[in-house]
Each structure stands twice: as structure tokens, then as C-alpha cells.
């Protein structure tokens, strides 16, 4: 291996190191995911009105029937979330 071969290998090795760094260590541009809303506790739900429970459920992606009793709405929310 001569000096000219060595002079060709150094830039190639440096370029490879830069590419590996760029791919593996730079932060990604992904959007941070929002935390999933949590279902309130039974005690908190019992303090709410039926309309408030319905709004909480919609925030969680659950549709409830306000014609049901509050106890049944809470049970439906717990089972569907």
C-alpha cells in the first residue's frame, strides 16, 4: 500500500464517519406525540354532571348516551376507553 492509496482512503473514511453520524445521531424531525388523555377516577366522575361526563368522553373519543343514568354512563366510559 503506497502513500497515494492512503491519501485516497482517509477522505473516504471521514466521509463514511460523517454519514454514519448524520444518520444515527442527529435528532429526528418527528413531532412529539401528545400524551393520551386519561380517564378520570370514579370519584371525579361522580362529582361531574352528565354533560361534563359526556364532554370528557368525547375528548377520549367515546360517545355516550345522555339518556342513560350517570352510573351507566360512567360504566360505559370505563368499558369503552
C-alpha atoms as a PDB file:
ATOM      1  CA  UNK A   1       0.000   0.000   0.000  1.00  0.00           C
ATOM      2  CA  UNK A   2       1.538   3.227  -1.088  1.00  0.00           C
ATOM      3  CA  UNK A   3       1.164   6.792   0.033  1.00  0.00           C
ATOM      4  CA  UNK A   4      -1.291   7.590  -2.786  1.00  0.00           C
ATOM      5  CA  UNK A   5      -3.595   4.766  -1.636  1.00  0.00           C
ATOM      6  CA  UNK A   6      -3.537   6.109   1.909  1.00  0.00           C
ATOM      7  CA  UNK A   7      -4.372   9.619   0.702  1.00  0.00           C
ATOM      8  CA  UNK A   8      -7.468   8.228  -1.037  1.00  0.00           C
ATOM      9  CA  UNK A   9      -8.644   6.176   1.939  1.00  0.00           C
ATOM     10  CA  UNK A  10      -8.567   8.969   4.559  1.00  0.00           C
ATOM     11  CA  UNK A  11     -11.195  11.209   2.900  1.00  0.00           C
ATOM     12  CA  UNK A  12     -13.385   8.183   2.182  1.00  0.00           C
ATOM     13  CA  UNK A  13     -13.195   7.104   5.834  1.00  0.00           C
ATOM     14  CA  UNK A  14     -14.010  10.631   7.016  1.00  0.00           C
ATOM     15  CA  UNK A  15     -16.981  10.805   4.661  1.00  0.00           C
ATOM     16  CA  UNK A  16     -18.222   7.476   5.970  1.00  0.00           C
ATOM     17  CA  UNK A  17     -17.945   8.712   9.572  1.00  0.00           C
ATOM     18  CA  UNK A  18     -19.909  11.865   8.730  1.00  0.00           C
ATOM     19  CA  UNK A  19     -22.665   9.842   7.043  1.00  0.00           C
ATOM     20  CA  UNK A  20     -22.934   7.422   9.967  1.00  0.00           C
ATOM     21  CA  UNK A  21     -23.102  10.330  12.426  1.00  0.00           C
ATOM     22  CA  UNK A  22     -25.697  12.127  10.332  1.00  0.00           C
ATOM     23  CA  UNK A  23     -27.937   9.063  10.091  1.00  0.00           C
ATOM     24  CA  UNK A  24     -27.563   7.778  13.622  1.00  0.00           C
ATOM     25  CA  UNK A  25     -27.020  10.660  15.988  1.00  0.00           C
ATOM     26  CA  UNK A  26     -28.778  13.734  14.672  1.00  0.00           C
ATOM     27  CA  UNK A  27     -32.199  14.281  16.249  1.00  0.00           C
ATOM     28  CA  UNK A  28     -35.136  13.292  14.109  1.00  0.00           C
ATOM     29  CA  UNK A  29     -37.701  15.832  12.952  1.00  0.00           C
ATOM     30  CA  UNK A  30     -40.660  13.854  14.311  1.00  0.00           C
ATOM     31  CA  UNK A  31     -43.377  15.765  16.077  1.00  0.00           C
ATOM     32  CA  UNK A  32     -43.582  14.908  19.753  1.00  0.00           C
ATOM     33  CA  UNK A  33     -46.665  12.844  20.428  1.00  0.00           C
ATOM     34  CA  UNK A  34     -49.197  14.311  22.779  1.00  0.00           C
ATOM     35  CA  UNK A  35     -49.935  12.249  25.854  1.00  0.00           C
ATOM     36  CA  UNK A  36     -53.172  10.329  25.644  1.00  0.00           C
ATOM     37  CA  UNK A  37     -55.835  11.815  27.937  1.00  0.00           C
ATOM     38  CA  UNK A  38     -56.556   9.674  30.959  1.00  0.00           C
ATOM     39  CA  UNK A  39     -59.981   8.627  32.205  1.00  0.00           C
ATOM     40  CA  UNK A  40     -60.738  10.461  35.460  1.00  0.00           C
ATOM     41  CA  UNK A  41     -61.191   8.401  38.601  1.00  0.00           C
ATOM     42  CA  UNK A  42     -64.623   7.156  39.677  1.00  0.00           C
ATOM     43  CA  UNK A  43     -64.732   9.759  42.458  1.00  0.00           C
ATOM     44  CA  UNK A  44     -64.019  12.568  39.991  1.00  0.00           C
ATOM     45  CA  UNK A  45     -66.602  11.275  37.520  1.00  0.00           C
ATOM     46  CA  UNK A  46     -69.288  11.015  40.215  1.00  0.00           C
ATOM     47  CA  UNK A  47     -68.783  14.710  41.051  1.00  0.00           C
ATOM     48  CA  UNK A  48     -69.415  15.706  37.409  1.00  0.00           C
ATOM     49  CA  UNK A  49     -72.708  16.348  35.695  1.00  0.00           C
ATOM     50  CA  UNK A  50     -73.857  14.101  32.875  1.00  0.00           C
ATOM     51  CA  UNK A  51     -72.950  16.838  30.380  1.00  0.00           C
ATOM     52  CA  UNK A  52     -69.430  17.086  31.808  1.00  0.00           C
ATOM     53  CA  UNK A  53     -69.010  13.303  31.662  1.00  0.00           C
ATOM     54  CA  UNK A  54     -70.126  13.378  28.028  1.00  0.00           C
ATOM     55  CA  UNK A  55     -67.526  16.065  27.219  1.00  0.00           C
ATOM     56  CA  UNK A  56     -64.757  14.087  28.920  1.00  0.00           C
ATOM     57  CA  UNK A  57     -65.817  11.002  26.971  1.00  0.00           C
ATOM     58  CA  UNK A  58     -65.750  12.901  23.664  1.00  0.00           C
ATOM     59  CA  UNK A  59     -62.241  14.082  24.487  1.00  0.00           C
ATOM     60  CA  UNK A  60     -61.301  10.427  24.793  1.00  0.00           C
ATOM     61  CA  UNK A  61     -63.062   9.523  21.539  1.00  0.00           C
ATOM     62  CA  UNK A  62     -66.033   7.821  23.212  1.00  0.00           C
ATOM     63  CA  UNK A  63     -69.674   8.671  22.508  1.00  0.00           C
ATOM     64  CA  UNK A  64     -72.093   8.286  25.400  1.00  0.00           C
ATOM     65  CA  UNK A  65     -75.889   8.379  25.583  1.00  0.00           C
ATOM     66  CA  UNK A  66     -77.005  11.158  27.952  1.00  0.00           C
ATOM     67  CA  UNK A  67     -80.398   9.483  28.296  1.00  0.00           C
ATOM     68  CA  UNK A  68     -78.762   6.844  30.481  1.00  0.00           C
ATOM     69  CA  UNK A  69     -78.154   7.301  34.194  1.00  0.00           C
ATOM     70  CA  UNK A  70     -74.891   8.808  35.353  1.00  0.00           C
ATOM     71  CA  UNK A  71     -73.798   5.441  36.792  1.00  0.00           C
ATOM     72  CA  UNK A  72     -74.399   3.707  33.454  1.00  0.00           C
ATOM     73  CA  UNK A  73     -72.626   6.499  31.550  1.00  0.00           C
ATOM     74  CA  UNK A  74     -69.578   6.075  33.805  1.00  0.00           C
ATOM     75  CA  UNK A  75     -69.656   2.306  33.300  1.00  0.00           C
ATOM     76  CA  UNK A  76     -69.881   2.761  29.514  1.00  0.00           C
ATOM     77  CA  UNK A  77     -66.979   5.226  29.566  1.00  0.00           C
ATOM     78  CA  UNK A  78     -64.811   2.831  31.579  1.00  0.00           C
ATOM     79  CA  UNK A  79     -65.618  -0.115  29.312  1.00  0.00           C
ATOM     80  CA  UNK A  80     -65.066   1.768  26.031  1.00  0.00           C
ATOM     81  CA  UNK A  81     -61.839   3.578  26.912  1.00  0.00           C
END
